[in-house]
Amino acid sequence: VGWLGAEPTGWAVAVLASALLVGVALLVPSVVAATSDR
């Protein structure tokens, strides 16, 4: 977000998209259930 505020680049967008995808994916109920140390 800081990089995008200074100068929008493809790399900044790719980093943001990657981080958002991973963050959301780890909060999906099926992933939380799969990573629950049964």
Full PDB file with SEQRES, HELIX, SHEET, SSBOND, CRYST1, ORIGX, SCALE, CONECT and MASTER records, all heavy atoms in Angstrom:
SEQRES   1 A   38  VAL GLY TRP LEU GLY ALA GLU PRO THR GLY TRP ALA VAL          
SEQRES   2 A   38  ALA VAL LEU ALA SER ALA LEU LEU VAL GLY VAL ALA LEU          
SEQRES   3 A   38  LEU VAL PRO SER VAL VAL ALA ALA THR SER ASP ARG              
HELIX    1 AA1 GLY A    2  ALA A    6  1                                   5    
HELIX    2 AA2 GLY A   10  ALA A   25  1                                  16    
HELIX    3 AA3 PRO A   29  ALA A   34  1                                   6    
CRYST1    1.000    1.000    1.000  90.00  90.00  90.00 P 1           1          
ORIGX1      1.000000  0.000000  0.000000        0.00000                         
ORIGX2      0.000000  1.000000  0.000000        0.00000                         
ORIGX3      0.000000  0.000000  1.000000        0.00000                         
SCALE1      1.000000  0.000000  0.000000        0.00000                         
SCALE2      0.000000  1.000000  0.000000        0.00000                         
SCALE3      0.000000  0.000000  1.000000        0.00000                         
ATOM      1  N   VAL A   1       0.847  -1.198   0.000  1.00  0.00           N  
ATOM      2  CA  VAL A   1       0.000   0.000   0.000  1.00  0.00           C  
ATOM      3  C   VAL A   1       0.882   1.248   0.000  1.00  0.00           C  
ATOM      4  O   VAL A   1       0.601   2.225  -0.710  1.00  0.00           O  
ATOM      5  CB  VAL A   1      -0.974  -0.023   1.204  1.00  0.00           C  
ATOM      6  CG1 VAL A   1      -1.630   1.335   1.417  1.00  0.00           C  
ATOM      7  CG2 VAL A   1      -2.040  -1.094   0.999  1.00  0.00           C  
ATOM      8  N   GLY A   2       1.966   1.213   0.755  1.00  0.00           N  
ATOM      9  CA  GLY A   2       2.914   2.334   0.744  1.00  0.00           C  
ATOM     10  C   GLY A   2       3.553   2.519  -0.622  1.00  0.00           C  
ATOM     11  O   GLY A   2       3.702   3.642  -1.102  1.00  0.00           O  
ATOM     12  N   TRP A   3       3.954   1.407  -1.241  1.00  0.00           N  
ATOM     13  CA  TRP A   3       4.547   1.487  -2.582  1.00  0.00           C  
ATOM     14  C   TRP A   3       3.549   2.054  -3.582  1.00  0.00           C  
ATOM     15  O   TRP A   3       3.906   2.863  -4.427  1.00  0.00           O  
ATOM     16  CB  TRP A   3       5.005   0.122  -3.063  1.00  0.00           C  
ATOM     17  CG  TRP A   3       6.109  -0.485  -2.266  1.00  0.00           C  
ATOM     18  CD1 TRP A   3       7.070   0.150  -1.548  1.00  0.00           C  
ATOM     19  CD2 TRP A   3       6.350  -1.886  -2.096  1.00  0.00           C  
ATOM     20  NE1 TRP A   3       7.903  -0.756  -0.943  1.00  0.00           N  
ATOM     21  CE2 TRP A   3       7.488  -2.008  -1.259  1.00  0.00           C  
ATOM     22  CE3 TRP A   3       5.723  -3.042  -2.554  1.00  0.00           C  
ATOM     23  CZ2 TRP A   3       8.001  -3.245  -0.882  1.00  0.00           C  
ATOM     24  CZ3 TRP A   3       6.237  -4.269  -2.182  1.00  0.00           C  
ATOM     25  CH2 TRP A   3       7.365  -4.363  -1.357  1.00  0.00           C  
ATOM     26  N   LEU A   4       2.301   1.596  -3.492  1.00  0.00           N  
ATOM     27  CA  LEU A   4       1.275   2.092  -4.418  1.00  0.00           C  
ATOM     28  C   LEU A   4       1.013   3.577  -4.202  1.00  0.00           C  
ATOM     29  O   LEU A   4       0.708   4.303  -5.149  1.00  0.00           O  
ATOM     30  CB  LEU A   4      -0.015   1.286  -4.268  1.00  0.00           C  
ATOM     31  CG  LEU A   4       0.038  -0.132  -4.820  1.00  0.00           C  
ATOM     32  CD1 LEU A   4      -1.204  -0.918  -4.405  1.00  0.00           C  
ATOM     33  CD2 LEU A   4       0.172  -0.111  -6.332  1.00  0.00           C  
ATOM     34  N   GLY A   5       1.121   4.032  -2.966  1.00  0.00           N  
ATOM     35  CA  GLY A   5       0.934   5.456  -2.678  1.00  0.00           C  
ATOM     36  C   GLY A   5       2.059   6.301  -3.238  1.00  0.00           C  
ATOM     37  O   GLY A   5       1.849   7.437  -3.648  1.00  0.00           O  
ATOM     38  N   ALA A   6       3.265   5.757  -3.264  1.00  0.00           N  
ATOM     39  CA  ALA A   6       4.420   6.504  -3.771  1.00  0.00           C  
ATOM     40  C   ALA A   6       4.490   6.457  -5.287  1.00  0.00           C  
ATOM     41  O   ALA A   6       4.678   7.487  -5.933  1.00  0.00           O  
ATOM     42  CB  ALA A   6       5.706   5.946  -3.173  1.00  0.00           C  
ATOM     43  N   GLU A   7       4.357   5.266  -5.837  1.00  0.00           N  
ATOM     44  CA  GLU A   7       4.429   5.097  -7.285  1.00  0.00           C  
ATOM     45  C   GLU A   7       3.787   3.766  -7.664  1.00  0.00           C  
ATOM     46  O   GLU A   7       4.330   2.702  -7.376  1.00  0.00           O  
ATOM     47  CB  GLU A   7       5.886   5.099  -7.735  1.00  0.00           C  
ATOM     48  CG  GLU A   7       6.047   4.926  -9.230  1.00  0.00           C  
ATOM     49  CD  GLU A   7       7.509   4.886  -9.645  1.00  0.00           C  
ATOM     50  OE1 GLU A   7       8.396   5.136  -8.815  1.00  0.00           O  
ATOM     51  OE2 GLU A   7       7.736   4.588 -10.819  1.00  0.00           O  
ATOM     52  N   PRO A   8       2.618   3.811  -8.276  1.00  0.00           N  
ATOM     53  CA  PRO A   8       1.942   2.566  -8.656  1.00  0.00           C  
ATOM     54  C   PRO A   8       2.781   1.771  -9.670  1.00  0.00           C  
ATOM     55  O   PRO A   8       3.187   2.297 -10.708  1.00  0.00           O  
ATOM     56  CB  PRO A   8       0.630   3.029  -9.286  1.00  0.00           C  
ATOM     57  CG  PRO A   8       0.426   4.422  -8.775  1.00  0.00           C  
ATOM     58  CD  PRO A   8       1.799   4.984  -8.566  1.00  0.00           C  
ATOM     59  N   THR A   9       3.093   0.539  -9.321  1.00  0.00           N  
ATOM     60  CA  THR A   9       3.845  -0.347 -10.212  1.00  0.00           C  
ATOM     61  C   THR A   9       3.184  -1.716 -10.235  1.00  0.00           C  
ATOM     62  O   THR A   9       2.393  -2.064  -9.347  1.00  0.00           O  
ATOM     63  CB  THR A   9       5.297  -0.521  -9.732  1.00  0.00           C  
ATOM     64  OG1 THR A   9       5.278  -1.144  -8.447  1.00  0.00           O  
ATOM     65  CG2 THR A   9       6.039   0.805  -9.656  1.00  0.00           C  
ATOM     66  N   GLY A  10       3.535  -2.477 -11.241  1.00  0.00           N  
ATOM     67  CA  GLY A  10       3.023  -3.837 -11.348  1.00  0.00           C  
ATOM     68  C   GLY A  10       3.453  -4.716 -10.192  1.00  0.00           C  
ATOM     69  O   GLY A  10       2.696  -5.568  -9.717  1.00  0.00           O  
ATOM     70  N   TRP A  11       4.710  -4.514  -9.730  1.00  0.00           N  
ATOM     71  CA  TRP A  11       5.216  -5.307  -8.612  1.00  0.00           C  
ATOM     72  C   TRP A  11       4.408  -5.055  -7.349  1.00  0.00           C  
ATOM     73  O   TRP A  11       4.087  -5.988  -6.614  1.00  0.00           O  
ATOM     74  CB  TRP A  11       6.689  -5.004  -8.348  1.00  0.00           C  
ATOM     75  CG  TRP A  11       7.588  -5.735  -9.283  1.00  0.00           C  
ATOM     76  CD1 TRP A  11       8.274  -5.187 -10.328  1.00  0.00           C  
ATOM     77  CD2 TRP A  11       7.875  -7.133  -9.297  1.00  0.00           C  
ATOM     78  NE1 TRP A  11       8.983  -6.174 -10.985  1.00  0.00           N  
ATOM     79  CE2 TRP A  11       8.753  -7.379 -10.365  1.00  0.00           C  
ATOM     80  CE3 TRP A  11       7.476  -8.200  -8.509  1.00  0.00           C  
ATOM     81  CZ2 TRP A  11       9.235  -8.643 -10.664  1.00  0.00           C  
ATOM     82  CZ3 TRP A  11       7.953  -9.471  -8.799  1.00  0.00           C  
ATOM     83  CH2 TRP A  11       8.823  -9.680  -9.873  1.00  0.00           C  
ATOM     84  N   ALA A  12       4.092  -3.797  -7.076  1.00  0.00           N  
ATOM     85  CA  ALA A  12       3.324  -3.469  -5.876  1.00  0.00           C  
ATOM     86  C   ALA A  12       1.937  -4.102  -5.934  1.00  0.00           C  
ATOM     87  O   ALA A  12       1.443  -4.636  -4.934  1.00  0.00           O  
ATOM     88  CB  ALA A  12       3.222  -1.956  -5.714  1.00  0.00           C  
ATOM     89  N   VAL A  13       1.322  -4.074  -7.103  1.00  0.00           N  
ATOM     90  CA  VAL A  13       0.004  -4.693  -7.275  1.00  0.00           C  
ATOM     91  C   VAL A  13       0.106  -6.209  -7.100  1.00  0.00           C  
ATOM     92  O   VAL A  13      -0.739  -6.833  -6.440  1.00  0.00           O  
ATOM     93  CB  VAL A  13      -0.601  -4.334  -8.653  1.00  0.00           C  
ATOM     94  CG1 VAL A  13      -1.871  -5.132  -8.928  1.00  0.00           C  
ATOM     95  CG2 VAL A  13      -0.883  -2.838  -8.736  1.00  0.00           C  
ATOM     96  N   ALA A  14       1.158  -6.829  -7.655  1.00  0.00           N  
ATOM     97  CA  ALA A  14       1.340  -8.278  -7.531  1.00  0.00           C  
ATOM     98  C   ALA A  14       1.564  -8.683  -6.075  1.00  0.00           C  
ATOM     99  O   ALA A  14       0.997  -9.676  -5.600  1.00  0.00           O  
ATOM    100  CB  ALA A  14       2.511  -8.737  -8.393  1.00  0.00           C  
ATOM    101  N   VAL A  15       2.361  -7.910  -5.350  1.00  0.00           N  
ATOM    102  CA  VAL A  15       2.610  -8.201  -3.937  1.00  0.00           C  
ATOM    103  C   VAL A  15       1.316  -8.070  -3.140  1.00  0.00           C  
ATOM    104  O   VAL A  15       0.981  -8.931  -2.316  1.00  0.00           O  
ATOM    105  CB  VAL A  15       3.715  -7.283  -3.368  1.00  0.00           C  
ATOM    106  CG1 VAL A  15       3.788  -7.384  -1.855  1.00  0.00           C  
ATOM    107  CG2 VAL A  15       5.053  -7.618  -3.996  1.00  0.00           C  
ATOM    108  N   LEU A  16       0.580  -7.003  -3.394  1.00  0.00           N  
ATOM    109  CA  LEU A  16      -0.688  -6.796  -2.691  1.00  0.00           C  
ATOM    110  C   LEU A  16      -1.671  -7.920  -2.994  1.00  0.00           C  
ATOM    111  O   LEU A  16      -2.291  -8.475  -2.071  1.00  0.00           O  
ATOM    112  CB  LEU A  16      -1.293  -5.440  -3.072  1.00  0.00           C  
ATOM    113  CG  LEU A  16      -2.627  -5.086  -2.413  1.00  0.00           C  
ATOM    114  CD1 LEU A  16      -2.488  -5.042  -0.894  1.00  0.00           C  
ATOM    115  CD2 LEU A  16      -3.142  -3.753  -2.956  1.00  0.00           C  
ATOM    116  N   ALA A  17      -1.810  -8.283  -4.255  1.00  0.00           N  
ATOM    117  CA  ALA A  17      -2.744  -9.356  -4.634  1.00  0.00           C  
ATOM    118  C   ALA A  17      -2.337 -10.681  -3.996  1.00  0.00           C  
ATOM    119  O   ALA A  17      -3.185 -11.410  -3.457  1.00  0.00           O  
ATOM    120  CB  ALA A  17      -2.794  -9.485  -6.158  1.00  0.00           C  
ATOM    121  N   SER A  18      -1.059 -10.989  -4.025  1.00  0.00           N  
ATOM    122  CA  SER A  18      -0.569 -12.232  -3.432  1.00  0.00           C  
ATOM    123  C   SER A  18      -0.855 -12.273  -1.939  1.00  0.00           C  
ATOM    124  O   SER A  18      -1.347 -13.283  -1.405  1.00  0.00           O  
ATOM    125  CB  SER A  18       0.936 -12.353  -3.687  1.00  0.00           C  
ATOM    126  OG  SER A  18       1.500 -13.372  -2.915  1.00  0.00           O  
ATOM    127  N   ALA A  19      -0.549 -11.193  -1.244  1.00  0.00           N  
ATOM    128  CA  ALA A  19      -0.746 -11.149   0.204  1.00  0.00           C  
ATOM    129  C   ALA A  19      -2.224 -11.237   0.567  1.00  0.00           C  
ATOM    130  O   ALA A  19      -2.601 -11.933   1.516  1.00  0.00           O  
ATOM    131  CB  ALA A  19      -0.139  -9.867   0.772  1.00  0.00           C  
ATOM    132  N   LEU A  20      -3.070 -10.553  -0.193  1.00  0.00           N  
ATOM    133  CA  LEU A  20      -4.507 -10.631   0.073  1.00  0.00           C  
ATOM    134  C   LEU A  20      -5.043 -12.036  -0.180  1.00  0.00           C  
ATOM    135  O   LEU A  20      -5.849 -12.552   0.608  1.00  0.00           O  
ATOM    136  CB  LEU A  20      -5.263  -9.605  -0.772  1.00  0.00           C  
ATOM    137  CG  LEU A  20      -5.130  -8.153  -0.337  1.00  0.00           C  
ATOM    138  CD1 LEU A  20      -5.771  -7.213  -1.362  1.00  0.00           C  
ATOM    139  CD2 LEU A  20      -5.751  -7.940   1.040  1.00  0.00           C  
ATOM    140  N   LEU A  21      -4.607 -12.661  -1.262  1.00  0.00           N  
ATOM    141  CA  LEU A  21      -5.069 -14.020  -1.564  1.00  0.00           C  
ATOM    142  C   LEU A  21      -4.672 -15.004  -0.470  1.00  0.00           C  
ATOM    143  O   LEU A  21      -5.481 -15.816  -0.031  1.00  0.00           O  
ATOM    144  CB  LEU A  21      -4.525 -14.478  -2.914  1.00  0.00           C  
ATOM    145  CG  LEU A  21      -5.212 -13.921  -4.141  1.00  0.00           C  
ATOM    146  CD1 LEU A  21      -4.444 -14.286  -5.408  1.00  0.00           C  
ATOM    147  CD2 LEU A  21      -6.638 -14.436  -4.232  1.00  0.00           C  
ATOM    148  N   VAL A  22      -3.425 -14.946  -0.035  1.00  0.00           N  
ATOM    149  CA  VAL A  22      -2.971 -15.860   1.013  1.00  0.00           C  
ATOM    150  C   VAL A  22      -3.709 -15.571   2.319  1.00  0.00           C  
ATOM    151  O   VAL A  22      -4.181 -16.494   2.994  1.00  0.00           O  
ATOM    152  CB  VAL A  22      -1.448 -15.768   1.223  1.00  0.00           C  
ATOM    153  CG1 VAL A  22      -1.011 -16.576   2.440  1.00  0.00           C  
ATOM    154  CG2 VAL A  22      -0.714 -16.250  -0.012  1.00  0.00           C  
ATOM    155  N   GLY A  23      -3.825 -14.297   2.674  1.00  0.00           N  
ATOM    156  CA  GLY A  23      -4.504 -13.941   3.920  1.00  0.00           C  
ATOM    157  C   GLY A  23      -5.943 -14.405   3.954  1.00  0.00           C  
ATOM    158  O   GLY A  23      -6.398 -14.991   4.941  1.00  0.00           O  
ATOM    159  N   VAL A  24      -6.660 -14.176   2.870  1.00  0.00           N  
ATOM    160  CA  VAL A  24      -8.055 -14.608   2.801  1.00  0.00           C  
ATOM    161  C   VAL A  24      -8.138 -16.135   2.780  1.00  0.00           C  
ATOM    162  O   VAL A  24      -8.976 -16.736   3.455  1.00  0.00           O  
ATOM    163  CB  VAL A  24      -8.766 -13.986   1.577  1.00  0.00           C  
ATOM    164  CG1 VAL A  24     -10.116 -14.622   1.338  1.00  0.00           C  
ATOM    165  CG2 VAL A  24      -8.913 -12.473   1.770  1.00  0.00           C  
ATOM    166  N   ALA A  25      -7.252 -16.779   2.023  1.00  0.00           N  
ATOM    167  CA  ALA A  25      -7.276 -18.241   1.919  1.00  0.00           C  
ATOM    168  C   ALA A  25      -7.088 -18.898   3.284  1.00  0.00           C  
ATOM    169  O   ALA A  25      -7.727 -19.912   3.577  1.00  0.00           O  
ATOM    170  CB  ALA A  25      -6.198 -18.721   0.948  1.00  0.00           C  
ATOM    171  N   LEU A  26      -6.229 -18.331   4.120  1.00  0.00           N  
ATOM    172  CA  LEU A  26      -5.988 -18.933   5.426  1.00  0.00           C  
ATOM    173  C   LEU A  26      -7.152 -18.730   6.388  1.00  0.00           C  
ATOM    174  O   LEU A  26      -7.204 -19.369   7.437  1.00  0.00           O  
ATOM    175  CB  LEU A  26      -4.707 -18.381   6.040  1.00  0.00           C  
ATOM    176  CG  LEU A  26      -3.425 -18.800   5.333  1.00  0.00           C  
ATOM    177  CD1 LEU A  26      -2.215 -18.229   6.041  1.00  0.00           C  
ATOM    178  CD2 LEU A  26      -3.315 -20.311   5.225  1.00  0.00           C  
ATOM    179  N   LEU A  27      -8.092 -17.868   6.036  1.00  0.00           N  
ATOM    180  CA  LEU A  27      -9.260 -17.632   6.882  1.00  0.00           C  
ATOM    181  C   LEU A  27     -10.512 -18.345   6.383  1.00  0.00           C  
ATOM    182  O   LEU A  27     -11.556 -18.284   7.035  1.00  0.00           O  
ATOM    183  CB  LEU A  27      -9.517 -16.127   6.995  1.00  0.00           C  
ATOM    184  CG  LEU A  27      -8.371 -15.326   7.617  1.00  0.00           C  
ATOM    185  CD1 LEU A  27      -8.679 -13.840   7.578  1.00  0.00           C  
ATOM    186  CD2 LEU A  27      -8.087 -15.783   9.031  1.00  0.00           C  
ATOM    187  N   VAL A  28     -10.407 -19.023   5.250  1.00  0.00           N  
ATOM    188  CA  VAL A  28     -11.543 -19.794   4.722  1.00  0.00           C  
ATOM    189  C   VAL A  28     -11.827 -20.943   5.692  1.00  0.00           C  
ATOM    190  O   VAL A  28     -10.890 -21.618   6.153  1.00  0.00           O  
ATOM    191  CB  VAL A  28     -11.213 -20.326   3.301  1.00  0.00           C  
ATOM    192  CG1 VAL A  28     -12.236 -21.320   2.824  1.00  0.00           C  
ATOM    193  CG2 VAL A  28     -11.089 -19.157   2.338  1.00  0.00           C  
ATOM    194  N   PRO A  29     -13.093 -21.181   6.040  1.00  0.00           N  
ATOM    195  CA  PRO A  29     -13.411 -22.213   7.032  1.00  0.00           C  
ATOM    196  C   PRO A  29     -12.820 -23.598   6.740  1.00  0.00           C  
ATOM    197  O   PRO A  29     -12.360 -24.279   7.656  1.00  0.00           O  
ATOM    198  CB  PRO A  29     -14.942 -22.252   7.027  1.00  0.00           C  
ATOM    199  CG  PRO A  29     -15.336 -20.868   6.630  1.00  0.00           C  
ATOM    200  CD  PRO A  29     -14.293 -20.433   5.640  1.00  0.00           C  
ATOM    201  N   SER A  30     -12.786 -24.009   5.481  1.00  0.00           N  
ATOM    202  CA  SER A  30     -12.228 -25.334   5.179  1.00  0.00           C  
ATOM    203  C   SER A  30     -10.729 -25.392   5.457  1.00  0.00           C  
ATOM    204  O   SER A  30     -10.202 -26.421   5.883  1.00  0.00           O  
ATOM    205  CB  SER A  30     -12.511 -25.720   3.726  1.00  0.00           C  
ATOM    206  OG  SER A  30     -11.878 -24.816   2.837  1.00  0.00           O  
ATOM    207  N   VAL A  31     -10.032 -24.281   5.249  1.00  0.00           N  
ATOM    208  CA  VAL A  31      -8.596 -24.235   5.534  1.00  0.00           C  
ATOM    209  C   VAL A  31      -8.360 -24.199   7.042  1.00  0.00           C  
ATOM    210  O   VAL A  31      -7.473 -24.883   7.554  1.00  0.00           O  
ATOM    211  CB  VAL A  31      -7.929 -23.036   4.831  1.00  0.00           C  
ATOM    212  CG1 VAL A  31      -6.487 -22.863   5.273  1.00  0.00           C  
ATOM    213  CG2 VAL A  31      -8.011 -23.206   3.321  1.00  0.00           C  
ATOM    214  N   VAL A  32      -9.157 -23.426   7.753  1.00  0.00           N  
ATOM    215  CA  VAL A  32      -9.031 -23.394   9.212  1.00  0.00           C  
ATOM    216  C   VAL A  32      -9.268 -24.792   9.779  1.00  0.00           C  
ATOM    217  O   VAL A  32      -8.525 -25.262  10.639  1.00  0.00           O  
ATOM    218  CB  VAL A  32     -10.006 -22.362   9.828  1.00  0.00           C  
ATOM    219  CG1 VAL A  32     -10.031 -22.458  11.345  1.00  0.00           C  
ATOM    220  CG2 VAL A  32      -9.635 -20.951   9.390  1.00  0.00           C  
ATOM    221  N   ALA A  33     -10.273 -25.485   9.269  1.00  0.00           N  
ATOM    222  CA  ALA A  33     -10.555 -26.847   9.736  1.00  0.00           C  
ATOM    223  C   ALA A  33      -9.418 -27.798   9.384  1.00  0.00           C  
ATOM    224  O   ALA A  33      -9.071 -28.684  10.163  1.00  0.00           O  
ATOM    225  CB  ALA A  33     -11.871 -27.343   9.136  1.00  0.00           C  
ATOM    226  N   ALA A  34      -8.816 -27.607   8.224  1.00  0.00           N  
ATOM    227  CA  ALA A  34      -7.737 -28.499   7.782  1.00  0.00           C  
ATOM    228  C   ALA A  34      -6.439 -28.254   8.534  1.00  0.00           C  
ATOM    229  O   ALA A  34      -5.569 -29.116   8.562  1.00  0.00           O  
ATOM    230  CB  ALA A  34      -7.499 -28.322   6.282  1.00  0.00           C  
ATOM    231  N   THR A  35      -6.310 -27.093   9.150  1.00  0.00           N  
ATOM    232  CA  THR A  35      -5.082 -26.762   9.887  1.00  0.00           C  
ATOM    233  C   THR A  35      -5.388 -26.609  11.373  1.00  0.00           C  
ATOM    234  O   THR A  35      -4.972 -25.644  12.003  1.00  0.00           O  
ATOM    235  CB  THR A  35      -4.454 -25.472   9.335  1.00  0.00           C  
ATOM    236  OG1 THR A  35      -5.419 -24.417   9.403  1.00  0.00           O  
ATOM    237  CG2 THR A  35      -3.984 -25.643   7.917  1.00  0.00           C  
ATOM    238  N   SER A  36      -6.084 -27.569  11.916  1.00  0.00           N  
ATOM    239  CA  SER A  36      -6.511 -27.477  13.320  1.00  0.00           C  
ATOM    240  C   SER A  36      -5.810 -28.453  14.246  1.00  0.00           C  
ATOM    241  O   SER A  36      -6.256 -28.643  15.361  1.00  0.00           O  
ATOM    242  CB  SER A  36      -8.023 -27.685  13.422  1.00  0.00           C  
ATOM    243  OG  SER A  36      -8.686 -26.617  12.817  1.00  0.00           O  
ATOM    244  N   ASP A  37      -4.731 -29.109  13.821  1.00  0.00           N  
ATOM    245  CA  ASP A  37      -3.965 -30.014  14.694  1.00  0.00           C  
ATOM    246  C   ASP A  37      -4.870 -31.000  15.429  1.00  0.00           C  
ATOM    247  O   ASP A  37      -4.957 -30.999  16.635  1.00  0.00           O  
ATOM    248  CB  ASP A  37      -3.155 -29.228  15.716  1.00  0.00           C  
ATOM    249  CG  ASP A  37      -1.833 -28.763  15.173  1.00  0.00           C  
ATOM    250  OD1 ASP A  37      -1.397 -29.252  14.135  1.00  0.00           O  
ATOM    251  OD2 ASP A  37      -1.247 -27.909  15.822  1.00  0.00           O  
ATOM    252  N   ARG A  38      -5.525 -31.853  14.698  1.00  0.00           N  
ATOM    253  CA  ARG A  38      -6.434 -32.799  15.326  1.00  0.00           C  
ATOM    254  C   ARG A  38      -5.723 -33.793  16.239  1.00  0.00           C  
ATOM    255  O   ARG A  38      -6.344 -34.580  16.915  1.00  0.00           O  
ATOM    256  CB  ARG A  38      -7.238 -33.530  14.266  1.00  0.00           C  
ATOM    257  CG  ARG A  38      -8.356 -32.663  13.751  1.00  0.00           C  
ATOM    258  CD  ARG A  38      -9.139 -33.382  12.703  1.00  0.00           C  
ATOM    259  NE  ARG A  38      -8.389 -33.612  11.480  1.00  0.00           N  
ATOM    260  CZ  ARG A  38      -8.062 -32.691  10.599  1.00  0.00           C  
ATOM    261  NH1 ARG A  38      -8.368 -31.452  10.820  1.00  0.00           N  
ATOM    262  NH2 ARG A  38      -7.410 -32.993   9.505  1.00  0.00           N  
TER     263      ARG A  38                                                      
MASTER        0    0    0    3    0    0    0    6  262    1    0    3          
END                                                                             
